[in-house]
Amino acid sequence: MSSNVTGLCGAWLEAKRREDEAIEARRKIEKEITEALDAKTEGSITHKVEPYKVTLTQPIYRKVDMAIWESVKSGIPMEAWPLKMKIEVDDAGCRWLMENRPDLWKLAATAITATPGKIGVKVVQS
């Protein structure tokens, strides 16, 4: 391994340390801001704190228990169902088709776009 990469690894670790410290400091400040200003129980509210505008957003994460939903959905008109069905690509299924059924993958691939993401980097000191 070249000494350039060794130096880059050391620089990466130092940058990551500074980043972690900055994130921790930002989160502490965010906590103090949220304690000082009113927030909605769900949604966003903007406060004017001259010369700033501060927007606090309270998300609510919901999930469905499909077994229970199956037992109650008949009592709710379909047009009032609070669910939406989502079709998404199954990465494991794509890889399986590529490796095991390239004939089927060739057809499926015409409908699927694949774009490489950012390469992840993790450095630990040994």
N, C-alpha and C. Protein backbone atom coordinates (compact mmCIF):
# COMPACT_ATOMS: atom_id res chain seq x y z
N MET A 1 0.86 -1.18 0.00
CA MET A 1 0.00 0.00 0.00
C MET A 1 0.89 1.23 0.00
N SER A 2 0.55 2.18 -0.82
CA SER A 2 1.38 3.37 -0.92
C SER A 2 1.22 4.25 0.31
N SER A 3 2.27 5.01 0.59
CA SER A 3 2.21 5.91 1.76
C SER A 3 1.17 6.99 1.53
N ASN A 4 0.85 7.31 0.27
CA ASN A 4 -0.17 8.30 -0.02
C ASN A 4 -1.52 7.83 0.51
N VAL A 5 -1.83 6.55 0.31
CA VAL A 5 -3.11 6.01 0.79
C VAL A 5 -3.10 5.96 2.32
N THR A 6 -1.95 5.62 2.90
CA THR A 6 -1.84 5.61 4.36
C THR A 6 -2.10 7.01 4.92
N GLY A 7 -1.53 8.02 4.29
CA GLY A 7 -1.77 9.40 4.71
C GLY A 7 -3.22 9.79 4.53
N LEU A 8 -3.83 9.36 3.42
CA LEU A 8 -5.25 9.65 3.19
C LEU A 8 -6.12 9.00 4.25
N CYS A 9 -5.77 7.78 4.66
CA CYS A 9 -6.55 7.09 5.71
C CYS A 9 -6.47 7.86 7.02
N GLY A 10 -5.30 8.34 7.37
CA GLY A 10 -5.16 9.14 8.59
C GLY A 10 -5.95 10.43 8.50
N ALA A 11 -5.90 11.07 7.33
CA ALA A 11 -6.65 12.31 7.13
C ALA A 11 -8.15 12.04 7.19
N TRP A 12 -8.59 10.90 6.66
CA TRP A 12 -10.01 10.53 6.68
C TRP A 12 -10.47 10.36 8.12
N LEU A 13 -9.67 9.64 8.92
CA LEU A 13 -10.03 9.43 10.33
C LEU A 13 -10.15 10.76 11.08
N GLU A 14 -9.23 11.68 10.82
CA GLU A 14 -9.27 12.99 11.49
C GLU A 14 -10.50 13.78 11.04
N ALA A 15 -10.79 13.75 9.74
CA ALA A 15 -11.97 14.45 9.23
C ALA A 15 -13.24 13.85 9.80
N LYS A 16 -13.30 12.54 9.91
CA LYS A 16 -14.47 11.85 10.47
C LYS A 16 -14.65 12.22 11.93
N ARG A 17 -13.56 12.32 12.68
CA ARG A 17 -13.62 12.70 14.10
C ARG A 17 -14.20 14.11 14.22
N ARG A 18 -13.71 15.05 13.39
CA ARG A 18 -14.21 16.43 13.43
C ARG A 18 -15.68 16.48 13.01
N GLU A 19 -16.03 15.67 12.01
CA GLU A 19 -17.43 15.61 11.56
C GLU A 19 -18.34 15.11 12.69
N ASP A 20 -17.92 14.05 13.37
CA ASP A 20 -18.72 13.50 14.48
C ASP A 20 -18.89 14.54 15.59
N GLU A 21 -17.82 15.28 15.89
CA GLU A 21 -17.92 16.34 16.91
C GLU A 21 -18.90 17.42 16.47
N ALA A 22 -18.83 17.80 15.19
CA ALA A 22 -19.74 18.85 14.67
C ALA A 22 -21.18 18.37 14.71
N ILE A 23 -21.42 17.11 14.36
CA ILE A 23 -22.78 16.56 14.40
C ILE A 23 -23.31 16.57 15.83
N GLU A 24 -22.47 16.16 16.77
CA GLU A 24 -22.88 16.15 18.17
C GLU A 24 -23.22 17.56 18.66
N ALA A 25 -22.39 18.53 18.27
CA ALA A 25 -22.65 19.91 18.68
C ALA A 25 -23.94 20.42 18.05
N ARG A 26 -24.16 20.12 16.76
CA ARG A 26 -25.38 20.56 16.08
C ARG A 26 -26.61 19.95 16.73
N ARG A 27 -26.56 18.67 17.05
CA ARG A 27 -27.71 18.01 17.68
C ARG A 27 -28.02 18.60 19.05
N LYS A 28 -27.01 18.97 19.79
CA LYS A 28 -27.22 19.59 21.10
C LYS A 28 -27.92 20.94 20.92
N ILE A 29 -27.47 21.71 19.95
CA ILE A 29 -28.09 23.01 19.67
C ILE A 29 -29.52 22.82 19.20
N GLU A 30 -29.77 21.85 18.32
CA GLU A 30 -31.13 21.57 17.85
C GLU A 30 -32.05 21.22 19.02
N LYS A 31 -31.55 20.45 19.97
CA LYS A 31 -32.35 20.09 21.14
C LYS A 31 -32.72 21.33 21.93
N GLU A 32 -31.78 22.24 22.11
CA GLU A 32 -32.05 23.47 22.86
C GLU A 32 -33.05 24.35 22.10
N ILE A 33 -32.92 24.41 20.78
CA ILE A 33 -33.87 25.21 19.98
C ILE A 33 -35.27 24.62 20.10
N THR A 34 -35.39 23.29 20.00
CA THR A 34 -36.73 22.67 20.08
C THR A 34 -37.34 22.81 21.46
N GLU A 35 -36.52 22.94 22.49
CA GLU A 35 -37.04 23.17 23.83
C GLU A 35 -37.47 24.63 24.01
N ALA A 36 -36.87 25.53 23.24
CA ALA A 36 -37.17 26.96 23.40
C ALA A 36 -38.36 27.41 22.56
N LEU A 37 -38.68 26.70 21.47
CA LEU A 37 -39.75 27.11 20.57
C LEU A 37 -40.85 26.06 20.52
N ASP A 38 -42.06 26.52 20.18
CA ASP A 38 -43.19 25.60 20.05
C ASP A 38 -43.06 24.79 18.77
N ALA A 39 -43.48 23.54 18.85
CA ALA A 39 -43.52 22.68 17.67
C ALA A 39 -44.92 22.08 17.59
N LYS A 40 -45.33 21.73 16.38
CA LYS A 40 -46.63 21.07 16.20
C LYS A 40 -46.48 19.60 16.60
N THR A 41 -47.60 18.97 16.89
CA THR A 41 -47.56 17.53 17.19
C THR A 41 -47.29 16.73 15.91
N GLU A 42 -47.60 17.33 14.76
CA GLU A 42 -47.26 16.74 13.47
C GLU A 42 -47.21 17.86 12.44
N GLY A 43 -46.18 17.86 11.63
CA GLY A 43 -46.04 18.87 10.59
C GLY A 43 -45.01 19.92 10.96
N SER A 44 -45.04 21.04 10.21
CA SER A 44 -44.02 22.08 10.36
C SER A 44 -44.61 23.39 10.86
N ILE A 45 -43.78 24.13 11.55
CA ILE A 45 -44.12 25.48 11.98
C ILE A 45 -42.85 26.31 11.86
N THR A 46 -43.01 27.54 11.38
CA THR A 46 -41.86 28.43 11.22
C THR A 46 -41.96 29.57 12.21
N HIS A 47 -40.85 29.84 12.87
CA HIS A 47 -40.75 30.93 13.84
C HIS A 47 -39.80 31.98 13.28
N LYS A 48 -40.16 33.25 13.46
CA LYS A 48 -39.25 34.33 13.10
C LYS A 48 -38.46 34.70 14.34
N VAL A 49 -37.19 34.51 14.29
CA VAL A 49 -36.27 34.87 15.37
C VAL A 49 -35.22 35.74 14.69
N GLU A 50 -35.54 37.05 14.59
CA GLU A 50 -34.70 37.96 13.80
C GLU A 50 -33.23 37.84 14.18
N PRO A 51 -32.38 37.74 13.21
CA PRO A 51 -32.59 37.80 11.77
C PRO A 51 -32.80 36.41 11.13
N TYR A 52 -33.33 35.46 11.86
CA TYR A 52 -33.48 34.09 11.36
C TYR A 52 -34.93 33.69 11.23
N LYS A 53 -35.15 32.69 10.40
CA LYS A 53 -36.42 31.97 10.37
C LYS A 53 -36.08 30.53 10.75
N VAL A 54 -36.75 30.00 11.74
CA VAL A 54 -36.49 28.65 12.22
C VAL A 54 -37.73 27.80 11.95
N THR A 55 -37.55 26.73 11.20
CA THR A 55 -38.65 25.82 10.92
C THR A 55 -38.44 24.54 11.70
N LEU A 56 -39.42 24.19 12.51
CA LEU A 56 -39.40 22.94 13.26
C LEU A 56 -40.40 21.98 12.59
N THR A 57 -39.95 20.80 12.28
CA THR A 57 -40.79 19.81 11.62
C THR A 57 -40.87 18.58 12.50
N GLN A 58 -42.08 18.20 12.86
CA GLN A 58 -42.31 17.00 13.67
C GLN A 58 -42.88 15.91 12.76
N PRO A 59 -42.04 14.95 12.37
CA PRO A 59 -42.58 13.86 11.55
C PRO A 59 -43.26 12.81 12.43
N ILE A 60 -44.19 12.11 11.85
CA ILE A 60 -44.82 10.96 12.49
C ILE A 60 -44.62 9.78 11.54
N TYR A 61 -44.03 8.73 12.03
CA TYR A 61 -43.78 7.54 11.21
C TYR A 61 -44.86 6.51 11.52
N ARG A 62 -45.56 6.11 10.50
CA ARG A 62 -46.63 5.13 10.67
C ARG A 62 -46.28 3.87 9.91
N LYS A 63 -46.71 2.74 10.46
CA LYS A 63 -46.54 1.48 9.75
C LYS A 63 -47.79 0.65 9.99
N VAL A 64 -47.99 -0.32 9.13
CA VAL A 64 -49.21 -1.13 9.22
C VAL A 64 -48.85 -2.55 9.62
N ASP A 65 -49.66 -3.11 10.48
CA ASP A 65 -49.57 -4.53 10.82
C ASP A 65 -50.50 -5.24 9.83
N MET A 66 -49.92 -5.90 8.85
CA MET A 66 -50.72 -6.46 7.76
C MET A 66 -51.71 -7.52 8.24
N ALA A 67 -51.36 -8.28 9.25
CA ALA A 67 -52.29 -9.29 9.75
C ALA A 67 -53.54 -8.63 10.32
N ILE A 68 -53.36 -7.57 11.10
CA ILE A 68 -54.51 -6.86 11.66
C ILE A 68 -55.27 -6.15 10.54
N TRP A 69 -54.54 -5.51 9.62
CA TRP A 69 -55.19 -4.81 8.52
C TRP A 69 -56.11 -5.76 7.74
N GLU A 70 -55.62 -6.95 7.46
CA GLU A 70 -56.43 -7.93 6.72
C GLU A 70 -57.74 -8.22 7.45
N SER A 71 -57.70 -8.18 8.78
CA SER A 71 -58.90 -8.49 9.55
C SER A 71 -59.87 -7.31 9.67
N VAL A 72 -59.40 -6.08 9.42
CA VAL A 72 -60.28 -4.92 9.59
C VAL A 72 -60.63 -4.22 8.28
N LYS A 73 -59.91 -4.48 7.22
CA LYS A 73 -60.09 -3.70 5.99
C LYS A 73 -61.47 -3.84 5.37
N SER A 74 -62.13 -4.97 5.61
CA SER A 74 -63.47 -5.16 5.02
C SER A 74 -64.49 -4.19 5.62
N GLY A 75 -64.21 -3.62 6.79
CA GLY A 75 -65.11 -2.67 7.42
C GLY A 75 -64.89 -1.24 6.97
N ILE A 76 -63.92 -1.03 6.08
CA ILE A 76 -63.60 0.32 5.60
C ILE A 76 -63.75 0.32 4.07
N PRO A 77 -64.53 1.26 3.53
CA PRO A 77 -64.65 1.32 2.06
C PRO A 77 -63.27 1.48 1.42
N MET A 78 -63.04 0.76 0.31
CA MET A 78 -61.72 0.78 -0.32
C MET A 78 -61.24 2.20 -0.63
N GLU A 79 -62.17 3.08 -1.03
CA GLU A 79 -61.76 4.46 -1.36
C GLU A 79 -61.31 5.24 -0.12
N ALA A 80 -61.59 4.72 1.07
CA ALA A 80 -61.18 5.38 2.31
C ALA A 80 -59.99 4.69 2.98
N TRP A 81 -59.44 3.67 2.33
CA TRP A 81 -58.29 2.98 2.93
C TRP A 81 -57.12 3.97 3.10
N PRO A 82 -56.55 4.02 4.29
CA PRO A 82 -55.44 4.95 4.52
C PRO A 82 -54.08 4.34 4.16
N LEU A 83 -54.07 3.54 3.12
CA LEU A 83 -52.84 2.86 2.68
C LEU A 83 -52.66 3.09 1.19
N LYS A 84 -51.43 3.04 0.74
CA LYS A 84 -51.17 3.02 -0.69
C LYS A 84 -50.19 1.88 -0.96
N MET A 85 -50.38 1.28 -2.09
CA MET A 85 -49.52 0.17 -2.47
C MET A 85 -48.35 0.72 -3.27
N LYS A 86 -47.17 0.21 -2.98
CA LYS A 86 -45.97 0.73 -3.61
C LYS A 86 -45.21 -0.42 -4.27
N ILE A 87 -44.90 -0.24 -5.54
CA ILE A 87 -44.08 -1.22 -6.24
C ILE A 87 -42.66 -0.68 -6.26
N GLU A 88 -41.72 -1.50 -5.86
CA GLU A 88 -40.33 -1.08 -5.86
C GLU A 88 -39.44 -2.23 -6.30
N VAL A 89 -38.26 -1.90 -6.74
CA VAL A 89 -37.31 -2.89 -7.22
C VAL A 89 -36.78 -3.70 -6.03
N ASP A 90 -36.71 -5.00 -6.20
CA ASP A 90 -36.14 -5.92 -5.21
C ASP A 90 -34.70 -6.21 -5.64
N ASP A 91 -33.72 -5.57 -4.97
CA ASP A 91 -32.32 -5.72 -5.37
C ASP A 91 -31.85 -7.17 -5.32
N ALA A 92 -32.22 -7.87 -4.26
CA ALA A 92 -31.81 -9.28 -4.15
C ALA A 92 -32.42 -10.10 -5.29
N GLY A 93 -33.68 -9.81 -5.62
CA GLY A 93 -34.32 -10.50 -6.73
C GLY A 93 -33.64 -10.22 -8.05
N CYS A 94 -33.21 -8.98 -8.25
CA CYS A 94 -32.47 -8.63 -9.47
C CYS A 94 -31.17 -9.42 -9.56
N ARG A 95 -30.42 -9.45 -8.46
CA ARG A 95 -29.14 -10.18 -8.47
C ARG A 95 -29.38 -11.67 -8.72
N TRP A 96 -30.44 -12.22 -8.10
CA TRP A 96 -30.74 -13.64 -8.30
C TRP A 96 -31.04 -13.92 -9.77
N LEU A 97 -31.87 -13.07 -10.37
CA LEU A 97 -32.18 -13.27 -11.79
C LEU A 97 -30.94 -13.15 -12.66
N MET A 98 -30.10 -12.16 -12.38
CA MET A 98 -28.86 -11.99 -13.16
C MET A 98 -28.01 -13.25 -13.13
N GLU A 99 -27.89 -13.83 -11.93
CA GLU A 99 -27.01 -14.99 -11.75
C GLU A 99 -27.66 -16.31 -12.18
N ASN A 100 -28.95 -16.46 -11.92
CA ASN A 100 -29.59 -17.76 -12.11
C ASN A 100 -30.50 -17.87 -13.33
N ARG A 101 -31.06 -16.77 -13.75
CA ARG A 101 -31.96 -16.78 -14.91
C ARG A 101 -31.68 -15.58 -15.81
N PRO A 102 -30.49 -15.55 -16.43
CA PRO A 102 -30.15 -14.39 -17.25
C PRO A 102 -31.15 -14.17 -18.39
N ASP A 103 -31.83 -15.22 -18.83
CA ASP A 103 -32.84 -15.07 -19.88
C ASP A 103 -34.01 -14.20 -19.38
N LEU A 104 -34.44 -14.44 -18.13
CA LEU A 104 -35.51 -13.64 -17.56
C LEU A 104 -35.01 -12.24 -17.20
N TRP A 105 -33.77 -12.16 -16.71
CA TRP A 105 -33.20 -10.86 -16.35
C TRP A 105 -33.13 -9.96 -17.57
N LYS A 106 -32.76 -10.54 -18.72
CA LYS A 106 -32.66 -9.74 -19.94
C LYS A 106 -33.97 -9.03 -20.24
N LEU A 107 -35.08 -9.72 -20.04
CA LEU A 107 -36.39 -9.12 -20.27
C LEU A 107 -36.73 -8.10 -19.17
N ALA A 108 -36.54 -8.48 -17.90
CA ALA A 108 -36.86 -7.58 -16.78
C ALA A 108 -36.01 -6.33 -16.82
N ALA A 109 -34.76 -6.47 -17.23
CA ALA A 109 -33.83 -5.33 -17.22
C ALA A 109 -34.27 -4.23 -18.17
N THR A 110 -35.11 -4.53 -19.13
CA THR A 110 -35.58 -3.48 -20.03
C THR A 110 -36.46 -2.47 -19.30
N ALA A 111 -37.02 -2.86 -18.15
CA ALA A 111 -37.91 -1.98 -17.39
C ALA A 111 -37.25 -1.40 -16.14
N ILE A 112 -36.00 -1.77 -15.89
CA ILE A 112 -35.32 -1.37 -14.65
C ILE A 112 -34.07 -0.56 -14.99
N THR A 113 -33.94 0.58 -14.35
CA THR A 113 -32.75 1.41 -14.51
C THR A 113 -31.86 1.22 -13.29
N ALA A 114 -30.59 0.99 -13.51
CA ALA A 114 -29.63 0.82 -12.41
C ALA A 114 -28.58 1.92 -12.50
N THR A 115 -28.42 2.66 -11.42
CA THR A 115 -27.47 3.76 -11.36
C THR A 115 -26.57 3.56 -10.15
N PRO A 116 -25.25 3.52 -10.34
CA PRO A 116 -24.36 3.34 -9.19
C PRO A 116 -24.46 4.51 -8.22
N GLY A 117 -24.44 4.19 -6.94
CA GLY A 117 -24.45 5.23 -5.91
C GLY A 117 -23.04 5.59 -5.50
N LYS A 118 -22.93 6.38 -4.45
CA LYS A 118 -21.62 6.79 -3.92
C LYS A 118 -20.99 5.59 -3.23
N ILE A 119 -19.73 5.38 -3.47
CA ILE A 119 -19.00 4.29 -2.82
C ILE A 119 -18.80 4.65 -1.35
N GLY A 120 -19.15 3.73 -0.47
CA GLY A 120 -18.96 3.95 0.96
C GLY A 120 -17.53 3.69 1.36
N VAL A 121 -17.03 4.45 2.27
CA VAL A 121 -15.66 4.29 2.77
C VAL A 121 -15.72 4.20 4.29
N LYS A 122 -15.05 3.21 4.84
CA LYS A 122 -14.92 3.10 6.29
C LYS A 122 -13.46 2.81 6.59
N VAL A 123 -12.88 3.55 7.48
CA VAL A 123 -11.48 3.35 7.87
C VAL A 123 -11.45 3.15 9.37
N VAL A 124 -10.77 2.10 9.82
CA VAL A 124 -10.55 1.90 11.25
C VAL A 124 -9.04 1.70 11.46
N GLN A 125 -8.58 2.14 12.58
CA GLN A 125 -7.17 1.98 12.88
C GLN A 125 -6.95 0.60 13.47
N SER A 126 -6.03 -0.15 12.87
CA SER A 126 -5.80 -1.53 13.33
C SER A 126 -4.77 -1.60 14.43
